[in-house]
Amino acid sequence: MKNHRYRRQAFSLMELLAVVTILGIIAAIIVPRVTTSSDTAKAKVHAHNRGTINSAIERYYIENGSWPSADLNELDVVTYFPDGIPTNPVDNSAYAMNATTHRID
């Protein structure tokens, strides 16, 4: 007589429950880190953009002897920003210069 072995056709409910639980734990750990790092990255890009625009404002003043307008239209040329003045990544607003300090706040 041949020995017939039992062959499983599917996963048991306990195995599926264990896998779903493990995936839930992994998601609970990873999702907050991804959203936090996205906000941190936007803040760092915003700080970098401010520094770059402030440098361009100072260069413009040195080259032309006057400050650009508050909406920075004069800086939107090939020598300063070939791709155009970047927007604020935090709230997608346009950068504007403070007329008193001649800086991006």
N, C-alpha and C. Protein backbone atom coordinates (compact mmCIF):
# COMPACT_ATOMS: atom_id res chain seq x y z
N MET A 1 0.82 -1.17 0.00
CA MET A 1 0.00 0.00 0.00
C MET A 1 0.87 1.25 0.00
N LYS A 2 0.52 2.21 -0.81
CA LYS A 2 1.27 3.45 -0.89
C LYS A 2 0.88 4.38 0.24
N ASN A 3 1.88 5.14 0.67
CA ASN A 3 1.65 6.10 1.74
C ASN A 3 1.19 7.42 1.12
N HIS A 4 -0.05 7.77 1.30
CA HIS A 4 -0.58 9.03 0.77
C HIS A 4 -0.44 10.10 1.83
N ARG A 5 0.21 11.17 1.43
CA ARG A 5 0.37 12.29 2.37
C ARG A 5 -0.71 13.33 2.11
N TYR A 6 -1.04 14.01 3.18
CA TYR A 6 -2.03 15.08 3.09
C TYR A 6 -1.36 16.31 2.50
N ARG A 7 -1.94 16.90 1.48
CA ARG A 7 -1.41 18.08 0.83
C ARG A 7 -2.29 19.27 1.17
N ARG A 8 -1.65 20.33 1.67
CA ARG A 8 -2.41 21.54 2.03
C ARG A 8 -2.76 22.32 0.76
N GLN A 9 -3.95 22.82 0.71
CA GLN A 9 -4.41 23.58 -0.45
C GLN A 9 -4.41 25.09 -0.20
N ALA A 10 -4.45 25.52 1.07
CA ALA A 10 -4.55 26.95 1.37
C ALA A 10 -3.95 27.24 2.74
N PHE A 11 -3.88 28.54 3.06
CA PHE A 11 -3.39 28.95 4.37
C PHE A 11 -4.51 28.87 5.39
N SER A 12 -4.15 28.62 6.63
CA SER A 12 -5.17 28.59 7.68
C SER A 12 -5.48 30.02 8.12
N LEU A 13 -6.57 30.18 8.81
CA LEU A 13 -6.98 31.49 9.28
C LEU A 13 -5.96 32.07 10.25
N MET A 14 -5.37 31.25 11.07
CA MET A 14 -4.36 31.72 12.04
C MET A 14 -3.11 32.24 11.32
N GLU A 15 -2.71 31.58 10.26
CA GLU A 15 -1.54 32.04 9.50
C GLU A 15 -1.81 33.40 8.86
N LEU A 16 -2.97 33.55 8.28
CA LEU A 16 -3.34 34.83 7.68
C LEU A 16 -3.43 35.95 8.72
N LEU A 17 -4.00 35.62 9.87
CA LEU A 17 -4.11 36.60 10.95
C LEU A 17 -2.72 37.03 11.44
N ALA A 18 -1.79 36.10 11.54
CA ALA A 18 -0.43 36.42 11.97
C ALA A 18 0.25 37.35 10.96
N VAL A 19 0.10 37.08 9.69
CA VAL A 19 0.72 37.91 8.65
C VAL A 19 0.12 39.32 8.65
N VAL A 20 -1.18 39.43 8.75
CA VAL A 20 -1.83 40.73 8.78
C VAL A 20 -1.40 41.53 10.01
N THR A 21 -1.27 40.87 11.15
CA THR A 21 -0.82 41.54 12.37
C THR A 21 0.60 42.06 12.22
N ILE A 22 1.48 41.27 11.67
CA ILE A 22 2.87 41.69 11.46
C ILE A 22 2.93 42.87 10.50
N LEU A 23 2.17 42.82 9.42
CA LEU A 23 2.15 43.94 8.48
C LEU A 23 1.60 45.21 9.12
N GLY A 24 0.61 45.07 9.98
CA GLY A 24 0.06 46.22 10.70
C GLY A 24 1.07 46.86 11.63
N ILE A 25 1.84 46.04 12.32
CA ILE A 25 2.88 46.56 13.22
C ILE A 25 3.95 47.29 12.42
N ILE A 26 4.37 46.72 11.31
CA ILE A 26 5.39 47.36 10.47
C ILE A 26 4.86 48.69 9.93
N ALA A 27 3.62 48.73 9.49
CA ALA A 27 3.03 49.97 8.98
C ALA A 27 2.93 51.02 10.08
N ALA A 28 2.59 50.61 11.29
CA ALA A 28 2.47 51.55 12.40
C ALA A 28 3.82 52.17 12.75
N ILE A 29 4.89 51.47 12.49
CA ILE A 29 6.23 52.00 12.76
C ILE A 29 6.71 52.90 11.63
N ILE A 30 6.47 52.51 10.40
CA ILE A 30 7.04 53.20 9.24
C ILE A 30 6.26 54.46 8.84
N VAL A 31 4.95 54.43 8.84
CA VAL A 31 4.14 55.56 8.34
C VAL A 31 4.43 56.87 9.08
N PRO A 32 4.49 56.91 10.41
CA PRO A 32 4.80 58.20 11.06
C PRO A 32 6.19 58.72 10.70
N ARG A 33 7.14 57.84 10.52
CA ARG A 33 8.49 58.28 10.16
C ARG A 33 8.52 58.89 8.76
N VAL A 34 7.77 58.33 7.84
CA VAL A 34 7.75 58.84 6.47
C VAL A 34 7.09 60.22 6.43
N THR A 35 5.99 60.41 7.14
CA THR A 35 5.32 61.71 7.13
C THR A 35 6.17 62.76 7.84
N THR A 36 6.84 62.39 8.91
CA THR A 36 7.71 63.34 9.61
C THR A 36 8.89 63.73 8.74
N SER A 37 9.50 62.77 8.07
CA SER A 37 10.64 63.09 7.24
C SER A 37 10.24 63.94 6.04
N SER A 38 9.03 63.79 5.56
CA SER A 38 8.55 64.63 4.46
C SER A 38 8.42 66.08 4.91
N ASP A 39 7.86 66.31 6.09
CA ASP A 39 7.74 67.66 6.62
C ASP A 39 9.11 68.27 6.90
N THR A 40 10.03 67.46 7.42
CA THR A 40 11.39 67.93 7.68
C THR A 40 12.09 68.31 6.38
N ALA A 41 11.92 67.50 5.35
CA ALA A 41 12.53 67.79 4.06
C ALA A 41 12.00 69.09 3.47
N LYS A 42 10.69 69.31 3.58
CA LYS A 42 10.11 70.56 3.07
C LYS A 42 10.66 71.77 3.82
N ALA A 43 10.83 71.64 5.14
CA ALA A 43 11.37 72.75 5.93
C ALA A 43 12.82 73.04 5.54
N LYS A 44 13.60 72.00 5.28
CA LYS A 44 15.00 72.20 4.88
C LYS A 44 15.10 72.81 3.49
N VAL A 45 14.24 72.39 2.58
CA VAL A 45 14.24 72.99 1.23
C VAL A 45 13.82 74.46 1.32
N HIS A 46 12.86 74.76 2.18
CA HIS A 46 12.42 76.16 2.38
C HIS A 46 13.59 77.01 2.89
N ALA A 47 14.34 76.50 3.87
CA ALA A 47 15.49 77.25 4.39
C ALA A 47 16.56 77.44 3.31
N HIS A 48 16.80 76.41 2.50
CA HIS A 48 17.77 76.51 1.42
C HIS A 48 17.32 77.54 0.38
N ASN A 49 16.05 77.50 0.01
CA ASN A 49 15.53 78.46 -0.97
C ASN A 49 15.67 79.89 -0.46
N ARG A 50 15.34 80.12 0.82
CA ARG A 50 15.49 81.46 1.39
C ARG A 50 16.93 81.94 1.30
N GLY A 51 17.88 81.08 1.65
CA GLY A 51 19.29 81.46 1.57
C GLY A 51 19.72 81.78 0.15
N THR A 52 19.29 80.96 -0.80
CA THR A 52 19.64 81.18 -2.20
C THR A 52 19.04 82.47 -2.72
N ILE A 53 17.79 82.74 -2.41
CA ILE A 53 17.14 83.97 -2.87
C ILE A 53 17.78 85.19 -2.20
N ASN A 54 18.10 85.08 -0.92
CA ASN A 54 18.76 86.20 -0.24
C ASN A 54 20.12 86.49 -0.87
N SER A 55 20.85 85.47 -1.27
CA SER A 55 22.13 85.66 -1.97
C SER A 55 21.91 86.37 -3.30
N ALA A 56 20.89 85.95 -4.03
CA ALA A 56 20.59 86.56 -5.32
C ALA A 56 20.19 88.02 -5.15
N ILE A 57 19.47 88.33 -4.08
CA ILE A 57 19.08 89.72 -3.81
C ILE A 57 20.33 90.58 -3.57
N GLU A 58 21.26 90.05 -2.78
CA GLU A 58 22.50 90.79 -2.51
C GLU A 58 23.33 90.96 -3.78
N ARG A 59 23.42 89.92 -4.60
CA ARG A 59 24.15 90.04 -5.87
C ARG A 59 23.51 91.08 -6.77
N TYR A 60 22.18 91.07 -6.81
CA TYR A 60 21.46 92.05 -7.63
C TYR A 60 21.79 93.47 -7.17
N TYR A 61 21.81 93.67 -5.85
CA TYR A 61 22.12 95.00 -5.31
C TYR A 61 23.54 95.42 -5.67
N ILE A 62 24.49 94.51 -5.55
CA ILE A 62 25.89 94.81 -5.87
C ILE A 62 26.04 95.15 -7.35
N GLU A 63 25.37 94.40 -8.20
CA GLU A 63 25.52 94.61 -9.65
C GLU A 63 24.76 95.83 -10.16
N ASN A 64 23.60 96.15 -9.57
CA ASN A 64 22.74 97.21 -10.11
C ASN A 64 22.68 98.47 -9.24
N GLY A 65 23.12 98.38 -7.99
CA GLY A 65 23.08 99.55 -7.10
C GLY A 65 21.71 99.86 -6.54
N SER A 66 20.73 98.98 -6.76
CA SER A 66 19.40 99.18 -6.19
C SER A 66 18.83 97.81 -5.83
N TRP A 67 17.86 97.84 -4.93
CA TRP A 67 17.23 96.58 -4.50
C TRP A 67 16.15 96.18 -5.50
N PRO A 68 15.91 94.89 -5.68
CA PRO A 68 14.80 94.47 -6.54
C PRO A 68 13.46 94.78 -5.88
N SER A 69 12.41 94.72 -6.65
CA SER A 69 11.08 94.97 -6.10
C SER A 69 10.69 93.84 -5.14
N ALA A 70 9.67 94.09 -4.33
CA ALA A 70 9.27 93.14 -3.30
C ALA A 70 8.81 91.81 -3.88
N ASP A 71 8.25 91.82 -5.10
CA ASP A 71 7.79 90.55 -5.68
C ASP A 71 8.91 89.81 -6.43
N LEU A 72 10.12 90.39 -6.44
CA LEU A 72 11.32 89.75 -7.00
C LEU A 72 11.25 89.48 -8.50
N ASN A 73 10.48 90.26 -9.22
CA ASN A 73 10.38 90.05 -10.67
C ASN A 73 11.72 90.23 -11.38
N GLU A 74 12.56 91.12 -10.86
CA GLU A 74 13.85 91.37 -11.50
C GLU A 74 14.78 90.17 -11.40
N LEU A 75 14.60 89.33 -10.41
CA LEU A 75 15.48 88.17 -10.24
C LEU A 75 15.12 87.01 -11.15
N ASP A 76 13.98 87.08 -11.78
CA ASP A 76 13.52 85.97 -12.63
C ASP A 76 14.16 86.06 -14.01
N VAL A 77 15.47 86.05 -14.04
CA VAL A 77 16.21 86.10 -15.29
C VAL A 77 17.22 84.96 -15.31
N VAL A 78 17.86 84.76 -16.44
CA VAL A 78 18.76 83.62 -16.63
C VAL A 78 19.92 83.61 -15.64
N THR A 79 20.48 84.77 -15.31
CA THR A 79 21.66 84.79 -14.44
C THR A 79 21.35 84.42 -13.00
N TYR A 80 20.14 84.66 -12.53
CA TYR A 80 19.81 84.38 -11.14
C TYR A 80 19.09 83.05 -10.98
N PHE A 81 17.98 82.88 -11.63
CA PHE A 81 17.17 81.66 -11.53
C PHE A 81 16.71 81.24 -12.92
N PRO A 82 17.48 80.40 -13.61
CA PRO A 82 17.12 80.00 -14.98
C PRO A 82 15.76 79.30 -15.06
N ASP A 83 15.40 78.55 -14.03
CA ASP A 83 14.12 77.83 -14.05
C ASP A 83 13.00 78.62 -13.38
N GLY A 84 13.26 79.86 -13.05
CA GLY A 84 12.26 80.68 -12.36
C GLY A 84 12.48 80.63 -10.86
N ILE A 85 11.93 81.61 -10.16
CA ILE A 85 12.08 81.66 -8.71
C ILE A 85 11.28 80.51 -8.10
N PRO A 86 11.91 79.74 -7.21
CA PRO A 86 11.18 78.61 -6.61
C PRO A 86 10.04 79.08 -5.72
N THR A 87 9.09 78.22 -5.49
CA THR A 87 7.99 78.53 -4.58
C THR A 87 8.26 77.87 -3.23
N ASN A 88 7.61 78.37 -2.23
CA ASN A 88 7.74 77.83 -0.87
C ASN A 88 7.16 76.42 -0.84
N PRO A 89 7.97 75.39 -0.54
CA PRO A 89 7.44 74.02 -0.57
C PRO A 89 6.50 73.70 0.58
N VAL A 90 6.53 74.50 1.63
CA VAL A 90 5.67 74.23 2.79
C VAL A 90 4.22 74.55 2.48
N ASP A 91 3.97 75.72 1.87
CA ASP A 91 2.59 76.10 1.58
C ASP A 91 2.35 76.52 0.12
N ASN A 92 3.33 76.27 -0.75
CA ASN A 92 3.25 76.57 -2.19
C ASN A 92 2.98 78.04 -2.50
N SER A 93 3.41 78.94 -1.62
CA SER A 93 3.24 80.37 -1.88
C SER A 93 4.50 80.92 -2.53
N ALA A 94 4.37 82.09 -3.11
CA ALA A 94 5.51 82.75 -3.74
C ALA A 94 6.32 83.46 -2.65
N TYR A 95 7.63 83.48 -2.82
CA TYR A 95 8.48 84.23 -1.89
C TYR A 95 8.36 85.71 -2.19
N ALA A 96 8.40 86.52 -1.13
CA ALA A 96 8.36 87.97 -1.28
C ALA A 96 9.40 88.58 -0.36
N MET A 97 10.01 89.65 -0.82
CA MET A 97 11.06 90.31 -0.05
C MET A 97 10.47 91.31 0.92
N ASN A 98 11.00 91.35 2.13
CA ASN A 98 10.63 92.36 3.10
C ASN A 98 11.30 93.66 2.67
N ALA A 99 10.53 94.72 2.47
CA ALA A 99 11.07 95.97 1.94
C ALA A 99 11.99 96.68 2.92
N THR A 100 11.86 96.41 4.21
CA THR A 100 12.72 97.07 5.19
C THR A 100 14.06 96.37 5.34
N THR A 101 14.05 95.06 5.45
CA THR A 101 15.29 94.31 5.69
C THR A 101 15.94 93.84 4.39
N HIS A 102 15.20 93.88 3.28
CA HIS A 102 15.67 93.38 2.00
C HIS A 102 16.06 91.90 2.09
N ARG A 103 15.26 91.16 2.81
CA ARG A 103 15.47 89.73 3.00
C ARG A 103 14.15 88.99 2.83
N ILE A 104 14.28 87.70 2.55
CA ILE A 104 13.11 86.82 2.53
C ILE A 104 12.91 86.34 3.97
N ASP A 105 11.75 86.58 4.52
CA ASP A 105 11.48 86.14 5.92
C ASP A 105 10.89 84.77 5.97
